[in-house]
C-alpha atoms as a PDB file:
ATOM      1  CA  MET A   1     178.659 130.954 112.317  1.00  0.00           C
ATOM      2  CA  ALA A   2     182.298 129.886 112.482  1.00  0.00           C
ATOM      3  CA  LEU A   3     182.506 130.468 108.732  1.00  0.00           C
ATOM      4  CA  THR A   4     181.179 134.025 109.119  1.00  0.00           C
ATOM      5  CA  SER A   5     183.724 134.772 111.826  1.00  0.00           C
ATOM      6  CA  ALA A   6     186.589 133.441 109.706  1.00  0.00           C
ATOM      7  CA  LEU A   7     185.538 135.308 106.552  1.00  0.00           C
ATOM      8  CA  SER A   8     185.230 138.561 108.515  1.00  0.00           C
ATOM      9  CA  SER A   9     188.576 138.395 110.298  1.00  0.00           C
ATOM     10  CA  ALA A  10     190.860 136.595 107.828  1.00  0.00           C
ATOM     11  CA  PRO A  11     191.382 139.499 105.344  1.00  0.00           C
ATOM     12  CA  ASP A  12     192.794 141.829 108.028  1.00  0.00           C
ATOM     13  CA  LEU A  13     195.023 139.069 109.390  1.00  0.00           C
ATOM     14  CA  ILE A  14     196.339 138.229 105.899  1.00  0.00           C
ATOM     15  CA  ARG A  15     197.123 141.894 105.151  1.00  0.00           C
ATOM     16  CA  ARG A  16     199.116 142.184 108.398  1.00  0.00           C
ATOM     17  CA  GLY A  17     201.182 139.098 107.556  1.00  0.00           C
ATOM     18  CA  LEU A  18     199.818 137.033 110.451  1.00  0.00           C
ATOM     19  CA  ALA A  19     197.738 134.601 108.391  1.00  0.00           C
ATOM     20  CA  ASN A  20     200.162 132.784 106.093  1.00  0.00           C
ATOM     21  CA  ILE A  21     198.642 131.708 102.766  1.00  0.00           C
ATOM     22  CA  ARG A  22     201.665 129.554 101.908  1.00  0.00           C
ATOM     23  CA  ILE A  23     201.078 127.468 105.016  1.00  0.00           C
ATOM     24  CA  MET A  24     197.312 127.406 104.500  1.00  0.00           C
ATOM     25  CA  ALA A  25     197.337 126.250 100.856  1.00  0.00           C
ATOM     26  CA  PRO A  26     198.791 122.720 101.184  1.00  0.00           C
ATOM     27  CA  VAL A  27     196.995 121.762 104.400  1.00  0.00           C
ATOM     28  CA  VAL A  28     193.624 123.059 103.251  1.00  0.00           C
ATOM     29  CA  CYS A  29     193.745 120.871 100.136  1.00  0.00           C
ATOM     30  CA  ILE A  30     193.556 117.851 102.443  1.00  0.00           C
ATOM     31  CA  SER A  31     191.292 119.181 105.190  1.00  0.00           C
ATOM     32  CA  MET A  32     188.743 120.570 102.717  1.00  0.00           C
ATOM     33  CA  VAL A  33     188.151 117.104 101.234  1.00  0.00           C
ATOM     34  CA  THR A  34     187.951 115.409 104.638  1.00  0.00           C
ATOM     35  CA  SER A  35     185.601 118.128 105.967  1.00  0.00           C
ATOM     36  CA  ILE A  36     183.142 117.311 103.166  1.00  0.00           C
ATOM     37  CA  LEU A  37     183.416 113.595 103.990  1.00  0.00           C
ATOM     38  CA  GLY A  38     182.946 114.427 107.669  1.00  0.00           C
ATOM     39  CA  GLY A  39     179.777 116.369 106.892  1.00  0.00           C
ATOM     40  CA  ILE A  40     178.340 113.391 105.021  1.00  0.00           C
ATOM     41  CA  VAL A  41     179.265 110.962 107.810  1.00  0.00           C
ATOM     42  CA  GLY A  42     177.961 113.333 110.494  1.00  0.00           C
ATOM     43  CA  LEU A  43     174.510 113.495 108.920  1.00  0.00           C
ATOM     44  CA  TRP A  44     174.504 109.712 108.456  1.00  0.00           C
ATOM     45  CA  ILE A  45     175.387 109.098 112.121  1.00  0.00           C
ATOM     46  CA  THR A  46     172.729 111.544 113.304  1.00  0.00           C
ATOM     47  CA  ASN A  47     170.048 109.810 111.235  1.00  0.00           C
ATOM     48  CA  THR A  48     171.164 106.214 111.803  1.00  0.00           C
ATOM     49  CA  PHE A  49     172.611 106.190 115.317  1.00  0.00           C
ATOM     50  CA  PRO A  50     171.090 109.105 117.234  1.00  0.00           C
ATOM     51  CA  SER A  51     173.114 108.350 120.373  1.00  0.00           C
ATOM     52  CA  GLY A  52     176.371 107.830 118.457  1.00  0.00           C
ATOM     53  CA  LYS A  53     177.047 111.539 118.161  1.00  0.00           C
ATOM     54  CA  TYR A  54     177.083 111.868 121.943  1.00  0.00           C
ATOM     55  CA  TYR A  55     179.903 109.361 122.304  1.00  0.00           C
ATOM     56  CA  ILE A  56     181.873 111.299 119.703  1.00  0.00           C
ATOM     57  CA  THR A  57     181.117 114.565 121.512  1.00  0.00           C
ATOM     58  CA  VAL A  58     182.547 113.163 124.765  1.00  0.00           C
ATOM     59  CA  ALA A  59     185.598 111.878 122.884  1.00  0.00           C
ATOM     60  CA  LEU A  60     186.076 115.329 121.325  1.00  0.00           C
ATOM     61  CA  GLY A  61     185.965 116.926 124.773  1.00  0.00           C
ATOM     62  CA  LEU A  62     188.599 114.502 126.071  1.00  0.00           C
ATOM     63  CA  VAL A  63     190.847 115.247 123.092  1.00  0.00           C
ATOM     64  CA  LEU A  64     190.541 118.964 123.818  1.00  0.00           C
ATOM     65  CA  LEU A  65     191.547 118.349 127.426  1.00  0.00           C
ATOM     66  CA  VAL A  66     194.657 116.489 126.276  1.00  0.00           C
ATOM     67  CA  ILE A  67     195.565 119.324 123.874  1.00  0.00           C
ATOM     68  CA  PHE A  68     195.031 121.847 126.683  1.00  0.00           C
ATOM     69  CA  VAL A  69     197.441 119.960 128.972  1.00  0.00           C
ATOM     70  CA  VAL A  70     200.032 119.691 126.183  1.00  0.00           C
ATOM     71  CA  MET A  71     199.868 123.447 125.500  1.00  0.00           C
ATOM     72  CA  LEU A  72     200.016 124.167 129.228  1.00  0.00           C
ATOM     73  CA  THR A  73     203.201 122.153 129.666  1.00  0.00           C
ATOM     74  CA  SER A  74     204.874 123.152 126.386  1.00  0.00           C
ATOM     75  CA  LYS A  75     207.604 125.770 126.337  1.00  0.00           C
ATOM     76  CA  ARG A  76     208.009 128.580 123.812  1.00  0.00           C
ATOM     77  CA  VAL A  77     204.432 128.303 122.564  1.00  0.00           C
ATOM     78  CA  GLU A  78     204.493 132.033 121.780  1.00  0.00           C
ATOM     79  CA  PHE A  79     207.615 131.765 119.595  1.00  0.00           C
ATOM     80  CA  PRO A  80     208.551 128.117 118.933  1.00  0.00           C
ATOM     81  CA  GLU A  81     212.136 127.541 117.850  1.00  0.00           C
ATOM     82  CA  VAL A  82     212.378 125.679 114.537  1.00  0.00           C
ATOM     83  CA  LYS A  83     216.040 124.830 114.126  1.00  0.00           C
ATOM     84  CA  GLU A  84     215.711 123.116 110.761  1.00  0.00           C
ATOM     85  CA  GLN A  85     212.925 122.846 108.186  1.00  0.00           C
ATOM     86  CA  ASP A  86     212.036 119.612 106.449  1.00  0.00           C
ATOM     87  CA  SER A  87     212.826 119.524 102.732  1.00  0.00           C
ATOM     88  CA  ILE A  88     209.230 120.032 101.555  1.00  0.00           C
ATOM     89  CA  SER A  89     208.591 123.002 103.848  1.00  0.00           C
ATOM     90  CA  LYS A  90     211.858 124.546 102.693  1.00  0.00           C
ATOM     91  CA  LYS A  91     211.018 124.100  98.995  1.00  0.00           C
ATOM     92  CA  LEU A  92     207.587 125.644  99.520  1.00  0.00           C
ATOM     93  CA  SER A  93     209.142 128.553 101.477  1.00  0.00           C
ATOM     94  CA  LEU A  94     206.863 128.025 104.466  1.00  0.00           C
ATOM     95  CA  SER A  95     208.143 131.021 106.399  1.00  0.00           C
ATOM     96  CA  GLY A  96     207.198 134.623 106.972  1.00  0.00           C
ATOM     97  CA  SER A  97     207.408 137.668 109.195  1.00  0.00           C
ATOM     98  CA  TRP A  98     205.181 140.230 110.821  1.00  0.00           C
ATOM     99  CA  PHE A  99     205.533 143.411 112.841  1.00  0.00           C
ATOM    100  CA  GLU A 100     204.802 142.709 116.504  1.00  0.00           C
ATOM    101  CA  PRO A 101     203.358 145.885 118.103  1.00  0.00           C
ATOM    102  CA  SER A 102     203.843 144.639 121.680  1.00  0.00           C
ATOM    103  CA  SER A 103     207.629 144.503 121.234  1.00  0.00           C
ATOM    104  CA  GLY A 104     208.085 146.944 118.339  1.00  0.00           C
ATOM    105  CA  GLU A 105     210.031 144.319 116.395  1.00  0.00           C
ATOM    106  CA  VAL A 106     209.655 142.417 113.140  1.00  0.00           C
ATOM    107  CA  LYS A 107     209.351 138.731 114.019  1.00  0.00           C
ATOM    108  CA  GLU A 108     210.546 136.158 111.512  1.00  0.00           C
ATOM    109  CA  TYR A 109     209.556 132.500 111.621  1.00  0.00           C
ATOM    110  CA  LYS A 110     209.561 129.262 109.675  1.00  0.00           C
ATOM    111  CA  VAL A 111     207.560 126.073 110.040  1.00  0.00           C
ATOM    112  CA  THR A 112     208.390 122.425 109.547  1.00  0.00           C
ATOM    113  CA  GLY A 113     206.762 118.977 109.628  1.00  0.00           C
ATOM    114  CA  LEU A 114     204.396 119.666 106.735  1.00  0.00           C
ATOM    115  CA  LEU A 115     203.545 116.013 106.007  1.00  0.00           C
ATOM    116  CA  ILE A 116     202.809 115.259 109.669  1.00  0.00           C
ATOM    117  CA  GLY A 117     200.752 118.447 109.848  1.00  0.00           C
ATOM    118  CA  MET A 118     198.744 117.465 106.768  1.00  0.00           C
ATOM    119  CA  PHE A 119     197.959 114.081 108.339  1.00  0.00           C
ATOM    120  CA  PHE A 120     196.557 115.753 111.456  1.00  0.00           C
ATOM    121  CA  PHE A 121     194.691 118.341 109.391  1.00  0.00           C
ATOM    122  CA  ALA A 122     192.973 115.504 107.520  1.00  0.00           C
ATOM    123  CA  ILE A 123     191.663 114.213 110.863  1.00  0.00           C
ATOM    124  CA  VAL A 124     190.744 117.706 112.051  1.00  0.00           C
ATOM    125  CA  GLY A 125     188.864 118.455 108.840  1.00  0.00           C
ATOM    126  CA  PHE A 126     186.867 115.241 109.140  1.00  0.00           C
ATOM    127  CA  ILE A 127     185.871 115.883 112.764  1.00  0.00           C
ATOM    128  CA  ALA A 128     185.032 119.529 112.071  1.00  0.00           C
ATOM    129  CA  GLY A 129     182.879 118.594 109.084  1.00  0.00           C
ATOM    130  CA  MET A 130     181.133 115.856 111.061  1.00  0.00           C
ATOM    131  CA  PHE A 131     180.098 118.259 113.816  1.00  0.00           C
ATOM    132  CA  GLY A 132     179.663 121.363 111.647  1.00  0.00           C
ATOM    133  CA  LEU A 133     182.338 123.115 113.723  1.00  0.00           C
ATOM    134  CA  GLY A 134     185.001 125.669 113.108  1.00  0.00           C
ATOM    135  CA  ALA A 135     188.203 123.719 113.744  1.00  0.00           C
ATOM    136  CA  GLY A 136     190.245 126.397 115.479  1.00  0.00           C
ATOM    137  CA  TRP A 137     190.355 124.196 118.599  1.00  0.00           C
ATOM    138  CA  ALA A 138     192.607 121.794 116.679  1.00  0.00           C
ATOM    139  CA  ASN A 139     194.094 123.919 113.874  1.00  0.00           C
ATOM    140  CA  VAL A 140     195.983 126.080 116.349  1.00  0.00           C
ATOM    141  CA  PRO A 141     197.695 123.227 118.265  1.00  0.00           C
ATOM    142  CA  VAL A 142     198.700 121.484 115.013  1.00  0.00           C
ATOM    143  CA  LEU A 143     200.182 124.672 113.558  1.00  0.00           C
ATOM    144  CA  ASN A 144     201.816 125.701 116.839  1.00  0.00           C
ATOM    145  CA  LEU A 145     202.932 122.487 118.552  1.00  0.00           C
ATOM    146  CA  ILE A 146     203.602 120.247 115.535  1.00  0.00           C
ATOM    147  CA  MET A 147     204.622 122.637 112.753  1.00  0.00           C
ATOM    148  CA  GLY A 148     206.241 125.306 114.943  1.00  0.00           C
ATOM    149  CA  ALA A 149     204.249 128.392 113.941  1.00  0.00           C
ATOM    150  CA  PRO A 150     204.170 131.231 116.522  1.00  0.00           C
ATOM    151  CA  ILE A 151     200.893 131.330 118.446  1.00  0.00           C
ATOM    152  CA  LYS A 152     199.646 134.519 116.746  1.00  0.00           C
ATOM    153  CA  VAL A 153     200.473 133.122 113.305  1.00  0.00           C
ATOM    154  CA  ALA A 154     198.798 129.821 114.243  1.00  0.00           C
ATOM    155  CA  THR A 155     195.553 131.478 115.377  1.00  0.00           C
ATOM    156  CA  SER A 156     195.454 133.794 112.352  1.00  0.00           C
ATOM    157  CA  THR A 157     196.266 131.107 109.790  1.00  0.00           C
ATOM    158  CA  SER A 158     193.651 128.908 111.443  1.00  0.00           C
ATOM    159  CA  MET A 159     190.990 131.501 110.622  1.00  0.00           C
ATOM    160  CA  ALA A 160     192.052 131.462 106.960  1.00  0.00           C
ATOM    161  CA  ILE A 161     191.866 127.654 106.940  1.00  0.00           C
ATOM    162  CA  ILE A 162     188.385 127.690 108.507  1.00  0.00           C
ATOM    163  CA  SER A 163     187.150 130.111 105.837  1.00  0.00           C
ATOM    164  CA  VAL A 164     187.883 127.458 103.182  1.00  0.00           C
ATOM    165  CA  ASN A 165     187.060 124.259 105.072  1.00  0.00           C
ATOM    166  CA  ASP A 166     183.751 125.408 106.502  1.00  0.00           C
ATOM    167  CA  ALA A 167     182.649 126.876 103.187  1.00  0.00           C
ATOM    168  CA  ALA A 168     183.088 123.423 101.641  1.00  0.00           C
ATOM    169  CA  ALA A 169     181.380 121.502 104.453  1.00  0.00           C
ATOM    170  CA  ALA A 170     178.524 124.019 104.772  1.00  0.00           C
ATOM    171  CA  TRP A 171     177.038 122.971 101.436  1.00  0.00           C
ATOM    172  CA  ILE A 172     176.459 119.449 102.742  1.00  0.00           C
ATOM    173  CA  TYR A 173     174.295 120.799 105.570  1.00  0.00           C
ATOM    174  CA  ILE A 174     172.582 123.401 103.375  1.00  0.00           C
ATOM    175  CA  SER A 175     171.639 120.790 100.776  1.00  0.00           C
ATOM    176  CA  LYS A 176     170.058 118.615 103.485  1.00  0.00           C
ATOM    177  CA  GLY A 177     168.118 121.478 105.043  1.00  0.00           C
ATOM    178  CA  ALA A 178     170.194 121.355 108.248  1.00  0.00           C
ATOM    179  CA  VAL A 179     170.920 125.106 108.235  1.00  0.00           C
ATOM    180  CA  LEU A 180     168.198 127.336 109.687  1.00  0.00           C
ATOM    181  CA  PRO A 181     168.178 130.787 108.000  1.00  0.00           C
ATOM    182  CA  VAL A 182     166.018 132.228 110.786  1.00  0.00           C
ATOM    183  CA  ILE A 183     168.945 131.602 113.174  1.00  0.00           C
ATOM    184  CA  VAL A 184     171.886 132.157 110.844  1.00  0.00           C
ATOM    185  CA  ILE A 185     170.897 135.446 109.212  1.00  0.00           C
ATOM    186  CA  PRO A 186     170.434 137.519 112.407  1.00  0.00           C
ATOM    187  CA  SER A 187     173.641 136.027 113.824  1.00  0.00           C
ATOM    188  CA  VAL A 188     175.780 137.002 110.848  1.00  0.00           C
ATOM    189  CA  LEU A 189     175.717 140.739 111.566  1.00  0.00           C
ATOM    190  CA  GLY A 190     176.814 140.435 115.179  1.00  0.00           C
ATOM    191  CA  ILE A 191     179.439 137.799 114.429  1.00  0.00           C
ATOM    192  CA  SER A 192     180.891 139.861 111.567  1.00  0.00           C
ATOM    193  CA  ILE A 193     181.284 142.942 113.764  1.00  0.00           C
ATOM    194  CA  GLY A 194     182.723 140.931 116.647  1.00  0.00           C
ATOM    195  CA  ALA A 195     185.168 139.098 114.376  1.00  0.00           C
ATOM    196  CA  LYS A 196     186.535 142.330 112.902  1.00  0.00           C
ATOM    197  CA  ILE A 197     187.000 143.817 116.367  1.00  0.00           C
ATOM    198  CA  GLY A 198     188.600 140.595 117.587  1.00  0.00           C
ATOM    199  CA  ALA A 199     191.014 140.516 114.640  1.00  0.00           C
ATOM    200  CA  ARG A 200     192.226 144.041 115.410  1.00  0.00           C
ATOM    201  CA  ILE A 201     192.679 143.196 119.087  1.00  0.00           C
ATOM    202  CA  ALA A 202     194.576 140.022 118.160  1.00  0.00           C
ATOM    203  CA  ILE A 203     196.953 142.014 115.957  1.00  0.00           C
ATOM    204  CA  LYS A 204     197.907 144.315 118.861  1.00  0.00           C
ATOM    205  CA  ALA A 205     197.667 141.801 121.722  1.00  0.00           C
ATOM    206  CA  LYS A 206     200.735 140.279 123.328  1.00  0.00           C
ATOM    207  CA  PRO A 207     201.462 136.680 122.236  1.00  0.00           C
ATOM    208  CA  THR A 208     201.218 135.521 125.864  1.00  0.00           C
ATOM    209  CA  PHE A 209     197.694 136.921 126.102  1.00  0.00           C
ATOM    210  CA  VAL A 210     196.716 135.142 122.872  1.00  0.00           C
ATOM    211  CA  LYS A 211     198.199 131.904 124.219  1.00  0.00           C
ATOM    212  CA  TYR A 212     196.182 131.942 127.439  1.00  0.00           C
ATOM    213  CA  LEU A 213     193.038 133.091 125.630  1.00  0.00           C
ATOM    214  CA  VAL A 214     193.279 130.131 123.243  1.00  0.00           C
ATOM    215  CA  MET A 215     193.897 127.759 126.149  1.00  0.00           C
ATOM    216  CA  GLY A 216     190.980 129.182 128.134  1.00  0.00           C
ATOM    217  CA  ILE A 217     188.579 128.776 125.226  1.00  0.00           C
ATOM    218  CA  MET A 218     189.904 125.262 124.627  1.00  0.00           C
ATOM    219  CA  LEU A 219     189.344 124.254 128.254  1.00  0.00           C
ATOM    220  CA  LEU A 220     185.827 125.710 128.234  1.00  0.00           C
ATOM    221  CA  ALA A 221     184.995 123.912 124.975  1.00  0.00           C
ATOM    222  CA  ALA A 222     186.335 120.630 126.398  1.00  0.00           C
ATOM    223  CA  VAL A 223     184.182 120.857 129.520  1.00  0.00           C
ATOM    224  CA  LEU A 224     181.061 121.873 127.572  1.00  0.00           C
ATOM    225  CA  ASN A 225     181.502 119.028 125.063  1.00  0.00           C
ATOM    226  CA  ILE A 226     181.916 116.432 127.801  1.00  0.00           C
ATOM    227  CA  ILE A 227     178.864 117.726 129.675  1.00  0.00           C
ATOM    228  CA  LYS A 228     176.797 117.857 126.477  1.00  0.00           C
ATOM    229  CA  GLY A 229     177.788 114.305 125.523  1.00  0.00           C
ATOM    230  CA  LEU A 230     177.092 112.883 128.983  1.00  0.00           C
ATOM    231  CA  LYS A 231     173.719 114.609 129.111  1.00  0.00           C
ATOM    232  CA  GLY A 232     172.851 113.171 125.713  1.00  0.00           C
ATOM    233  CA  LEU A 233     173.772 109.713 126.993  1.00  0.00           C
ATOM    234  CA  LYS A 234     171.707 110.406 130.127  1.00  0.00           C
ATOM    235  CA  VAL A 235     174.715 109.796 132.363  1.00  0.00           C
ATOM    236  CA  ILE A 236     174.137 113.135 134.112  1.00  0.00           C
END
């Protein structure tokens, strides 16, 4: 479902200059491999240690809470100030611009910390593949807080990254019969329509709105994961 959403929204975001392919390309080379490994490990844990996935789910929820607090206390999340690029980011021209409708201006940006970002994307890809998740909950903070991408660029580029990562990890679940067509097929139509509408709203929305929307979804996901994990462990 996350893959459908990403594939539906990413083309519009790329055309508008919000999803940056130059940023996506190097990080996705790492996260795609780790997402496949995560899918394999996730199925193994589910079959071998049925309760193990619940501990990981609680841990994931706690990580999301930490990321939420960091984003809440960070300044200039909408337009981070990158004073100087690292040498690799500069050589790869990891920069861009887009027209921001809310201000009527062309916003230029550049990102940095590519190697650190790739390290975190390797971890994100593994966790996303293990749970069969879209990794927007972690892609956005890495792109925004660590690499310095503006929040709208971070959310849009995250969708492009998910479209590659989840496509790779999905085959692990499909080959093991863990994908139910009776659920997936009816969902695709609604998700596709919603994703296209959401992409157009995101293009026109103010960066501050996007920031708080991302944080709200992150907080909700954190709470739901913790509750789900604790219920699975029969703590609540």
